[in-house]
Amino acid sequence: MEFERIAAEYQDRIFRLAVAMLGDRAEAEEAAQDALVRVWKGLPGFRAQSSLSTWIYSITRNACLTARGRRLGAPRTASLEDPAARRAAEGRAVLCASAGDASSAASLLDRLPARYRQVVALFYMQEKSYEEVAHMLGLPVGTVKTYLFRARKSLALQMARERVSKGGA
């Protein structure tokens, strides 16, 4: 496989996933570059035991977790059980489905916990199946469905609160 072709095909998706996980564009750019370097280095050893996209998203996820760990001064791995991460991910799904403009959708998604935001980004934005998301994040399929449900619920509540605060119906 030719790295240039892979990079051209996946760089935007890698960046979007990094933004969804990290919530900061500058940090996401750095993590996306790190992920592409890891893909380049690992490409000779890729055995196609999973799809190329699953492999690339797993590398991207790990690069983002490493970046978040550095930012928090925490160990190199971050727990997907982190309540703040969970809150940040919940908002993305509902936003994508019901927000009027992309900027308000992005704002709502950024409030979700990272683990919900990850699932929403992969399922809705990258159009991955439940099974693919579960495999990529190392979660059971039921957990993926639960995270998506909670994300939609949280986003709906956030949107309702914003409408009320703006005097809308």
N, C-alpha and C. Protein backbone atom coordinates (compact mmCIF):
# COMPACT_ATOMS: atom_id res chain seq x y z
N MET A 1 0.83 -1.18 0.00
CA MET A 1 0.00 0.00 0.00
C MET A 1 0.87 1.24 0.00
N GLU A 2 0.47 2.20 -0.74
CA GLU A 2 1.24 3.43 -0.88
C GLU A 2 0.80 4.45 0.17
N PHE A 3 1.74 4.89 0.99
CA PHE A 3 1.41 5.78 2.10
C PHE A 3 0.79 7.09 1.60
N GLU A 4 1.27 7.64 0.52
CA GLU A 4 0.74 8.91 0.02
C GLU A 4 -0.75 8.80 -0.28
N ARG A 5 -1.15 7.69 -0.87
CA ARG A 5 -2.57 7.48 -1.20
C ARG A 5 -3.38 7.35 0.08
N ILE A 6 -2.87 6.60 1.02
CA ILE A 6 -3.56 6.41 2.30
C ILE A 6 -3.68 7.74 3.04
N ALA A 7 -2.60 8.50 3.09
CA ALA A 7 -2.63 9.79 3.78
C ALA A 7 -3.65 10.72 3.13
N ALA A 8 -3.66 10.77 1.81
CA ALA A 8 -4.60 11.64 1.11
C ALA A 8 -6.05 11.23 1.41
N GLU A 9 -6.30 9.94 1.46
CA GLU A 9 -7.65 9.44 1.68
C GLU A 9 -8.13 9.61 3.12
N TYR A 10 -7.23 9.48 4.08
CA TYR A 10 -7.63 9.44 5.49
C TYR A 10 -7.30 10.68 6.31
N GLN A 11 -6.48 11.60 5.82
CA GLN A 11 -6.04 12.70 6.67
C GLN A 11 -7.18 13.54 7.22
N ASP A 12 -8.21 13.82 6.42
CA ASP A 12 -9.33 14.61 6.93
C ASP A 12 -10.11 13.86 8.00
N ARG A 13 -10.31 12.56 7.78
CA ARG A 13 -11.05 11.76 8.76
C ARG A 13 -10.25 11.63 10.06
N ILE A 14 -8.96 11.47 9.93
CA ILE A 14 -8.09 11.39 11.12
C ILE A 14 -8.20 12.69 11.91
N PHE A 15 -8.15 13.81 11.21
CA PHE A 15 -8.23 15.11 11.89
C PHE A 15 -9.58 15.29 12.57
N ARG A 16 -10.67 14.94 11.88
CA ARG A 16 -12.00 15.09 12.48
C ARG A 16 -12.15 14.24 13.74
N LEU A 17 -11.63 13.02 13.69
CA LEU A 17 -11.68 12.17 14.88
C LEU A 17 -10.85 12.78 16.01
N ALA A 18 -9.69 13.32 15.68
CA ALA A 18 -8.84 13.94 16.70
C ALA A 18 -9.53 15.16 17.31
N VAL A 19 -10.19 15.97 16.51
CA VAL A 19 -10.91 17.12 17.05
C VAL A 19 -12.05 16.65 17.94
N ALA A 20 -12.75 15.61 17.51
CA ALA A 20 -13.86 15.09 18.31
C ALA A 20 -13.37 14.56 19.66
N MET A 21 -12.23 13.94 19.67
CA MET A 21 -11.72 13.37 20.91
C MET A 21 -11.08 14.40 21.82
N LEU A 22 -10.38 15.37 21.23
CA LEU A 22 -9.59 16.30 22.03
C LEU A 22 -10.27 17.65 22.25
N GLY A 23 -11.16 18.03 21.34
CA GLY A 23 -11.87 19.29 21.51
C GLY A 23 -11.04 20.54 21.27
N ASP A 24 -9.83 20.40 20.81
CA ASP A 24 -8.94 21.54 20.56
C ASP A 24 -8.28 21.34 19.21
N ARG A 25 -8.47 22.31 18.30
CA ARG A 25 -7.97 22.15 16.93
C ARG A 25 -6.45 22.03 16.87
N ALA A 26 -5.75 22.85 17.63
CA ALA A 26 -4.28 22.81 17.58
C ALA A 26 -3.76 21.48 18.10
N GLU A 27 -4.32 21.03 19.20
CA GLU A 27 -3.92 19.74 19.76
C GLU A 27 -4.30 18.60 18.82
N ALA A 28 -5.45 18.74 18.17
CA ALA A 28 -5.91 17.72 17.22
C ALA A 28 -4.98 17.66 16.00
N GLU A 29 -4.51 18.81 15.54
CA GLU A 29 -3.58 18.81 14.40
C GLU A 29 -2.30 18.04 14.76
N GLU A 30 -1.82 18.29 15.95
CA GLU A 30 -0.61 17.60 16.40
C GLU A 30 -0.84 16.09 16.53
N ALA A 31 -1.98 15.73 17.12
CA ALA A 31 -2.30 14.30 17.29
C ALA A 31 -2.51 13.63 15.93
N ALA A 32 -3.14 14.34 14.99
CA ALA A 32 -3.36 13.78 13.65
C ALA A 32 -2.03 13.55 12.94
N GLN A 33 -1.11 14.50 13.08
CA GLN A 33 0.22 14.32 12.48
C GLN A 33 0.94 13.13 13.12
N ASP A 34 0.82 13.02 14.43
CA ASP A 34 1.42 11.89 15.14
C ASP A 34 0.82 10.57 14.64
N ALA A 35 -0.49 10.56 14.46
CA ALA A 35 -1.16 9.35 13.96
C ALA A 35 -0.67 8.99 12.56
N LEU A 36 -0.52 9.97 11.70
CA LEU A 36 -0.04 9.69 10.34
C LEU A 36 1.39 9.16 10.36
N VAL A 37 2.21 9.68 11.24
CA VAL A 37 3.58 9.16 11.37
C VAL A 37 3.54 7.71 11.84
N ARG A 38 2.67 7.42 12.81
CA ARG A 38 2.54 6.05 13.29
C ARG A 38 2.03 5.12 12.18
N VAL A 39 1.11 5.60 11.37
CA VAL A 39 0.61 4.80 10.24
C VAL A 39 1.75 4.52 9.29
N TRP A 40 2.53 5.56 8.95
CA TRP A 40 3.65 5.40 8.03
C TRP A 40 4.65 4.37 8.55
N LYS A 41 4.98 4.49 9.84
CA LYS A 41 5.94 3.56 10.43
C LYS A 41 5.38 2.14 10.52
N GLY A 42 4.09 2.03 10.77
CA GLY A 42 3.50 0.71 10.96
C GLY A 42 3.01 0.03 9.71
N LEU A 43 2.95 0.78 8.60
CA LEU A 43 2.40 0.24 7.36
C LEU A 43 3.08 -1.04 6.88
N PRO A 44 4.41 -1.15 6.96
CA PRO A 44 5.02 -2.41 6.51
C PRO A 44 4.56 -3.62 7.32
N GLY A 45 4.16 -3.42 8.56
CA GLY A 45 3.73 -4.53 9.40
C GLY A 45 2.22 -4.76 9.40
N PHE A 46 1.47 -3.95 8.64
CA PHE A 46 0.02 -4.11 8.60
C PHE A 46 -0.32 -5.43 7.92
N ARG A 47 -1.06 -6.30 8.64
CA ARG A 47 -1.35 -7.64 8.14
C ARG A 47 -2.78 -7.82 7.65
N ALA A 48 -3.55 -6.77 7.62
CA ALA A 48 -4.94 -6.81 7.15
C ALA A 48 -5.80 -7.77 7.96
N GLN A 49 -5.51 -7.90 9.25
CA GLN A 49 -6.36 -8.71 10.11
C GLN A 49 -7.65 -7.96 10.44
N SER A 50 -7.63 -6.66 10.23
CA SER A 50 -8.83 -5.82 10.32
C SER A 50 -8.79 -4.93 9.08
N SER A 51 -9.85 -4.16 8.88
CA SER A 51 -9.85 -3.27 7.72
C SER A 51 -8.81 -2.16 7.94
N LEU A 52 -8.35 -1.60 6.86
CA LEU A 52 -7.36 -0.52 6.93
C LEU A 52 -7.90 0.64 7.75
N SER A 53 -9.18 1.00 7.53
CA SER A 53 -9.74 2.14 8.26
C SER A 53 -9.80 1.86 9.76
N THR A 54 -10.14 0.65 10.16
CA THR A 54 -10.18 0.30 11.58
C THR A 54 -8.79 0.42 12.19
N TRP A 55 -7.80 -0.05 11.48
CA TRP A 55 -6.42 0.02 11.94
C TRP A 55 -5.99 1.48 12.10
N ILE A 56 -6.30 2.30 11.11
CA ILE A 56 -5.93 3.72 11.14
C ILE A 56 -6.65 4.45 12.27
N TYR A 57 -7.95 4.18 12.45
CA TYR A 57 -8.69 4.83 13.52
C TYR A 57 -8.19 4.40 14.90
N SER A 58 -7.77 3.16 15.03
CA SER A 58 -7.20 2.71 16.30
C SER A 58 -5.91 3.45 16.61
N ILE A 59 -5.09 3.63 15.60
CA ILE A 59 -3.85 4.38 15.77
C ILE A 59 -4.17 5.83 16.15
N THR A 60 -5.15 6.42 15.48
CA THR A 60 -5.53 7.80 15.76
C THR A 60 -6.07 7.93 17.18
N ARG A 61 -6.91 7.00 17.58
CA ARG A 61 -7.46 7.01 18.94
C ARG A 61 -6.32 6.95 19.95
N ASN A 62 -5.37 6.08 19.74
CA ASN A 62 -4.25 5.95 20.67
C ASN A 62 -3.40 7.22 20.70
N ALA A 63 -3.20 7.84 19.55
CA ALA A 63 -2.44 9.10 19.50
C ALA A 63 -3.17 10.19 20.28
N CYS A 64 -4.50 10.21 20.18
CA CYS A 64 -5.29 11.21 20.91
C CYS A 64 -5.26 10.95 22.41
N LEU A 65 -5.34 9.69 22.80
CA LEU A 65 -5.27 9.36 24.22
C LEU A 65 -3.92 9.74 24.79
N THR A 66 -2.87 9.53 24.02
CA THR A 66 -1.53 9.92 24.45
C THR A 66 -1.45 11.44 24.61
N ALA A 67 -2.00 12.17 23.64
CA ALA A 67 -1.98 13.64 23.71
C ALA A 67 -2.77 14.13 24.91
N ARG A 68 -3.92 13.54 25.15
CA ARG A 68 -4.73 13.94 26.30
C ARG A 68 -4.02 13.63 27.61
N GLY A 69 -3.34 12.50 27.66
CA GLY A 69 -2.58 12.14 28.85
C GLY A 69 -1.47 13.14 29.13
N ARG A 70 -0.79 13.59 28.07
CA ARG A 70 0.26 14.60 28.25
C ARG A 70 -0.34 15.90 28.75
N ARG A 71 -1.48 16.28 28.19
CA ARG A 71 -2.12 17.53 28.56
C ARG A 71 -2.56 17.50 30.03
N LEU A 72 -3.07 16.38 30.47
CA LEU A 72 -3.56 16.27 31.83
C LEU A 72 -2.46 15.92 32.82
N GLY A 73 -1.27 15.65 32.31
CA GLY A 73 -0.18 15.24 33.17
C GLY A 73 -0.45 13.88 33.78
N ALA A 74 -1.27 13.11 33.10
CA ALA A 74 -1.68 11.79 33.58
C ALA A 74 -0.83 10.72 32.92
N PRO A 75 -1.06 9.48 33.29
CA PRO A 75 -0.35 8.40 32.61
C PRO A 75 -0.66 8.42 31.12
N ARG A 76 0.12 7.73 30.32
CA ARG A 76 -0.02 7.76 28.87
C ARG A 76 -1.34 7.23 28.38
N THR A 77 -2.04 6.44 29.17
CA THR A 77 -3.35 5.97 28.76
C THR A 77 -4.41 6.68 29.58
N ALA A 78 -5.53 6.99 28.94
CA ALA A 78 -6.63 7.66 29.63
C ALA A 78 -7.83 6.73 29.65
N SER A 79 -8.56 6.80 30.73
CA SER A 79 -9.72 5.92 30.87
C SER A 79 -10.90 6.45 30.08
N LEU A 80 -11.57 5.53 29.40
CA LEU A 80 -12.80 5.91 28.73
C LEU A 80 -13.94 6.05 29.73
N GLU A 81 -13.68 5.72 30.99
CA GLU A 81 -14.68 5.85 32.04
C GLU A 81 -14.67 7.25 32.66
N ASP A 82 -13.77 8.11 32.22
CA ASP A 82 -13.66 9.46 32.75
C ASP A 82 -14.97 10.21 32.55
N PRO A 83 -15.60 10.69 33.63
CA PRO A 83 -16.89 11.38 33.51
C PRO A 83 -16.84 12.60 32.59
N ALA A 84 -15.76 13.35 32.62
CA ALA A 84 -15.66 14.52 31.75
C ALA A 84 -15.61 14.10 30.29
N ALA A 85 -14.90 13.03 30.01
CA ALA A 85 -14.82 12.52 28.64
C ALA A 85 -16.19 12.04 28.19
N ARG A 86 -16.90 11.38 29.06
CA ARG A 86 -18.23 10.87 28.72
C ARG A 86 -19.18 12.01 28.39
N ARG A 87 -19.17 13.06 29.20
CA ARG A 87 -20.05 14.21 28.96
C ARG A 87 -19.75 14.86 27.62
N ALA A 88 -18.49 14.93 27.25
CA ALA A 88 -18.12 15.60 26.00
C ALA A 88 -18.62 14.86 24.78
N ALA A 89 -18.64 13.54 24.81
CA ALA A 89 -19.04 12.77 23.63
C ALA A 89 -20.53 12.70 23.42
N GLU A 90 -21.32 12.82 24.47
CA GLU A 90 -22.76 12.65 24.35
C GLU A 90 -23.39 13.66 23.41
N GLY A 91 -22.91 14.86 23.39
CA GLY A 91 -23.56 15.92 22.63
C GLY A 91 -23.44 15.83 21.14
N ARG A 92 -22.45 15.20 20.63
CA ARG A 92 -22.20 15.22 19.20
C ARG A 92 -23.32 14.59 18.37
N ALA A 93 -23.88 13.50 18.78
CA ALA A 93 -24.88 12.80 17.98
C ALA A 93 -26.13 13.63 17.81
N VAL A 94 -26.65 14.15 18.91
CA VAL A 94 -27.87 14.93 18.83
C VAL A 94 -27.63 16.18 18.01
N LEU A 95 -26.46 16.76 18.18
CA LEU A 95 -26.13 17.97 17.43
C LEU A 95 -26.15 17.72 15.95
N CYS A 96 -25.51 16.65 15.54
CA CYS A 96 -25.44 16.33 14.13
C CYS A 96 -26.83 16.14 13.56
N ALA A 97 -27.71 15.57 14.35
CA ALA A 97 -29.04 15.26 13.88
C ALA A 97 -29.96 16.48 13.91
N SER A 98 -29.79 17.38 14.89
CA SER A 98 -30.77 18.42 15.03
C SER A 98 -30.28 19.86 15.11
N ALA A 99 -29.01 20.09 15.17
CA ALA A 99 -28.54 21.47 15.23
C ALA A 99 -28.66 22.13 13.87
N GLY A 100 -28.98 23.40 13.90
CA GLY A 100 -29.17 24.11 12.65
C GLY A 100 -27.89 24.40 11.90
N ASP A 101 -26.83 24.77 12.60
CA ASP A 101 -25.59 25.08 11.91
C ASP A 101 -24.44 24.32 12.53
N ALA A 102 -23.38 24.20 11.75
CA ALA A 102 -22.23 23.38 12.17
C ALA A 102 -21.54 23.96 13.40
N SER A 103 -21.47 25.28 13.53
CA SER A 103 -20.76 25.84 14.67
C SER A 103 -21.50 25.56 15.98
N SER A 104 -22.84 25.65 15.97
CA SER A 104 -23.57 25.34 17.20
C SER A 104 -23.50 23.84 17.48
N ALA A 105 -23.49 23.02 16.45
CA ALA A 105 -23.35 21.57 16.64
C ALA A 105 -22.00 21.26 17.25
N ALA A 106 -20.95 21.86 16.73
CA ALA A 106 -19.61 21.62 17.27
C ALA A 106 -19.52 22.07 18.72
N SER A 107 -20.15 23.19 19.04
CA SER A 107 -20.13 23.68 20.41
C SER A 107 -20.82 22.70 21.35
N LEU A 108 -21.95 22.18 20.96
CA LEU A 108 -22.65 21.21 21.80
C LEU A 108 -21.84 19.92 21.94
N LEU A 109 -21.25 19.48 20.86
CA LEU A 109 -20.47 18.25 20.90
C LEU A 109 -19.26 18.38 21.80
N ASP A 110 -18.67 19.55 21.83
CA ASP A 110 -17.50 19.77 22.67
C ASP A 110 -17.82 19.65 24.15
N ARG A 111 -19.08 19.76 24.50
CA ARG A 111 -19.48 19.64 25.90
C ARG A 111 -19.65 18.18 26.33
N LEU A 112 -19.64 17.28 25.39
CA LEU A 112 -19.81 15.86 25.72
C LEU A 112 -18.52 15.28 26.27
N PRO A 113 -18.63 14.24 27.09
CA PRO A 113 -17.43 13.53 27.53
C PRO A 113 -16.72 12.92 26.33
N ALA A 114 -15.43 12.78 26.41
CA ALA A 114 -14.63 12.29 25.28
C ALA A 114 -15.10 10.93 24.78
N ARG A 115 -15.45 10.02 25.69
CA ARG A 115 -15.82 8.68 25.21
C ARG A 115 -17.11 8.72 24.41
N TYR A 116 -18.06 9.58 24.78
CA TYR A 116 -19.28 9.71 23.98
C TYR A 116 -18.98 10.42 22.67
N ARG A 117 -18.14 11.44 22.75
CA ARG A 117 -17.77 12.20 21.56
C ARG A 117 -17.10 11.28 20.54
N GLN A 118 -16.25 10.36 21.02
CA GLN A 118 -15.57 9.41 20.13
C GLN A 118 -16.58 8.54 19.40
N VAL A 119 -17.51 7.98 20.16
CA VAL A 119 -18.50 7.08 19.58
C VAL A 119 -19.37 7.83 18.57
N VAL A 120 -19.79 9.03 18.93
CA VAL A 120 -20.62 9.84 18.04
C VAL A 120 -19.85 10.17 16.76
N ALA A 121 -18.60 10.56 16.91
CA ALA A 121 -17.79 10.93 15.74
C ALA A 121 -17.65 9.74 14.79
N LEU A 122 -17.36 8.59 15.33
CA LEU A 122 -17.18 7.41 14.48
C LEU A 122 -18.51 6.96 13.86
N PHE A 123 -19.57 6.93 14.64
CA PHE A 123 -20.84 6.40 14.16
C PHE A 123 -21.53 7.36 13.20
N TYR A 124 -21.64 8.62 13.58
CA TYR A 124 -22.39 9.58 12.76
C TYR A 124 -21.52 10.28 11.72
N MET A 125 -20.33 10.71 12.11
CA MET A 125 -19.51 11.49 11.20
C MET A 125 -18.69 10.61 10.25
N GLN A 126 -18.22 9.48 10.75
CA GLN A 126 -17.42 8.58 9.91
C GLN A 126 -18.28 7.45 9.35
N GLU A 127 -19.55 7.40 9.75
CA GLU A 127 -20.53 6.43 9.27
C GLU A 127 -20.06 4.98 9.45
N LYS A 128 -19.50 4.71 10.62
CA LYS A 128 -19.09 3.35 10.96
C LYS A 128 -20.28 2.62 11.58
N SER A 129 -20.31 1.31 11.44
CA SER A 129 -21.38 0.51 12.04
C SER A 129 -21.13 0.38 13.55
N TYR A 130 -22.14 -0.11 14.27
CA TYR A 130 -21.96 -0.36 15.70
C TYR A 130 -20.78 -1.28 15.92
N GLU A 131 -20.71 -2.34 15.12
CA GLU A 131 -19.65 -3.33 15.28
C GLU A 131 -18.28 -2.73 15.01
N GLU A 132 -18.18 -1.90 13.97
CA GLU A 132 -16.89 -1.28 13.66
C GLU A 132 -16.45 -0.33 14.77
N VAL A 133 -17.39 0.46 15.29
CA VAL A 133 -17.06 1.38 16.39
C VAL A 133 -16.61 0.58 17.61
N ALA A 134 -17.34 -0.48 17.91
CA ALA A 134 -17.00 -1.31 19.06
C ALA A 134 -15.59 -1.88 18.91
N HIS A 135 -15.29 -2.39 17.74
CA HIS A 135 -13.97 -2.98 17.49
C HIS A 135 -12.87 -1.92 17.59
N MET A 136 -13.11 -0.76 16.99
CA MET A 136 -12.11 0.29 16.97
C MET A 136 -11.80 0.83 18.37
N LEU A 137 -12.81 0.87 19.23
CA LEU A 137 -12.62 1.43 20.57
C LEU A 137 -12.45 0.37 21.64
N GLY A 138 -12.52 -0.89 21.24
CA GLY A 138 -12.36 -1.97 22.20
C GLY A 138 -13.49 -2.04 23.21
N LEU A 139 -14.71 -1.79 22.74
CA LEU A 139 -15.89 -1.79 23.59
C LEU A 139 -16.88 -2.85 23.11
N PRO A 140 -17.74 -3.33 23.99
CA PRO A 140 -18.83 -4.20 23.54
C PRO A 140 -19.83 -3.39 22.70
N VAL A 141 -20.51 -4.04 21.78
CA VAL A 141 -21.49 -3.36 20.92
C VAL A 141 -22.58 -2.71 21.78
N GLY A 142 -23.01 -3.38 22.84
CA GLY A 142 -24.03 -2.81 23.72
C GLY A 142 -23.59 -1.50 24.36
N THR A 143 -22.33 -1.41 24.70
CA THR A 143 -21.80 -0.18 25.28
C THR A 143 -21.82 0.94 24.26
N VAL A 144 -21.47 0.63 23.01
CA VAL A 144 -21.52 1.63 21.94
C VAL A 144 -22.95 2.17 21.81
N LYS A 145 -23.92 1.28 21.80
CA LYS A 145 -25.33 1.70 21.68
C LYS A 145 -25.75 2.54 22.88
N THR A 146 -25.31 2.16 24.05
CA THR A 146 -25.63 2.92 25.26
C THR A 146 -25.02 4.31 25.20
N TYR A 147 -23.76 4.40 24.79
CA TYR A 147 -23.11 5.70 24.67
C TYR A 147 -23.82 6.59 23.66
N LEU A 148 -24.23 6.02 22.55
CA LEU A 148 -24.95 6.82 21.55
C LEU A 148 -26.28 7.31 22.10
N PHE A 149 -26.99 6.44 22.81
CA PHE A 149 -28.27 6.83 23.43
C PHE A 149 -28.05 7.97 24.41
N ARG A 150 -27.07 7.82 25.28
CA ARG A 150 -26.79 8.85 26.29
C ARG A 150 -26.33 10.15 25.64
N ALA A 151 -25.56 10.04 24.58
CA ALA A 151 -25.09 11.24 23.87
C ALA A 151 -26.28 12.00 23.27
N ARG A 152 -27.17 11.27 22.61
CA ARG A 152 -28.35 11.93 22.03
C ARG A 152 -29.20 12.58 23.11
N LYS A 153 -29.38 11.90 24.22
CA LYS A 153 -30.18 12.43 25.32
C LYS A 153 -29.55 13.71 25.87
N SER A 154 -28.26 13.67 26.10
CA SER A 154 -27.55 14.83 26.62
C SER A 154 -27.63 16.01 25.66
N LEU A 155 -27.44 15.72 24.38
CA LEU A 155 -27.50 16.79 23.39
C LEU A 155 -28.89 17.39 23.31
N ALA A 156 -29.90 16.56 23.37
CA ALA A 156 -31.27 17.07 23.34
C ALA A 156 -31.53 18.00 24.52
N LEU A 157 -31.05 17.61 25.71
CA LEU A 157 -31.22 18.44 26.90
C LEU A 157 -30.47 19.77 26.75
N GLN A 158 -29.26 19.71 26.23
CA GLN A 158 -28.47 20.92 26.04
C GLN A 158 -29.17 21.86 25.06
N MET A 159 -29.68 21.30 23.97
CA MET A 159 -30.35 22.13 22.96
C MET A 159 -31.62 22.74 23.53
N ALA A 160 -32.36 21.99 24.31
CA ALA A 160 -33.58 22.52 24.93
C ALA A 160 -33.24 23.66 25.89
N ARG A 161 -32.19 23.49 26.67
CA ARG A 161 -31.76 24.55 27.59
C ARG A 161 -31.38 25.82 26.83
N GLU A 162 -30.66 25.64 25.71
CA GLU A 162 -30.25 26.81 24.92
C GLU A 162 -31.45 27.53 24.33
N ARG A 163 -32.44 26.76 23.85
CA ARG A 163 -33.64 27.38 23.30
C ARG A 163 -34.36 28.18 24.37
N VAL A 164 -34.47 27.63 25.58
CA VAL A 164 -35.15 28.32 26.67
C VAL A 164 -34.39 29.57 27.05
N SER A 165 -33.06 29.48 27.14
CA SER A 165 -32.26 30.64 27.53
C SER A 165 -32.28 31.74 26.48
N LYS A 166 -32.53 31.38 25.24
CA LYS A 166 -32.61 32.38 24.16
C LYS A 166 -34.03 32.89 23.98
N GLY A 167 -34.95 32.37 24.79
CA GLY A 167 -36.33 32.84 24.72
C GLY A 167 -37.12 32.15 23.64
N GLY A 168 -36.60 31.06 23.06
CA GLY A 168 -37.31 30.33 22.02
C GLY A 168 -38.26 29.33 22.63
N ALA A 169 -39.05 28.70 21.74
CA ALA A 169 -40.02 27.73 22.23
C ALA A 169 -39.47 26.34 22.16
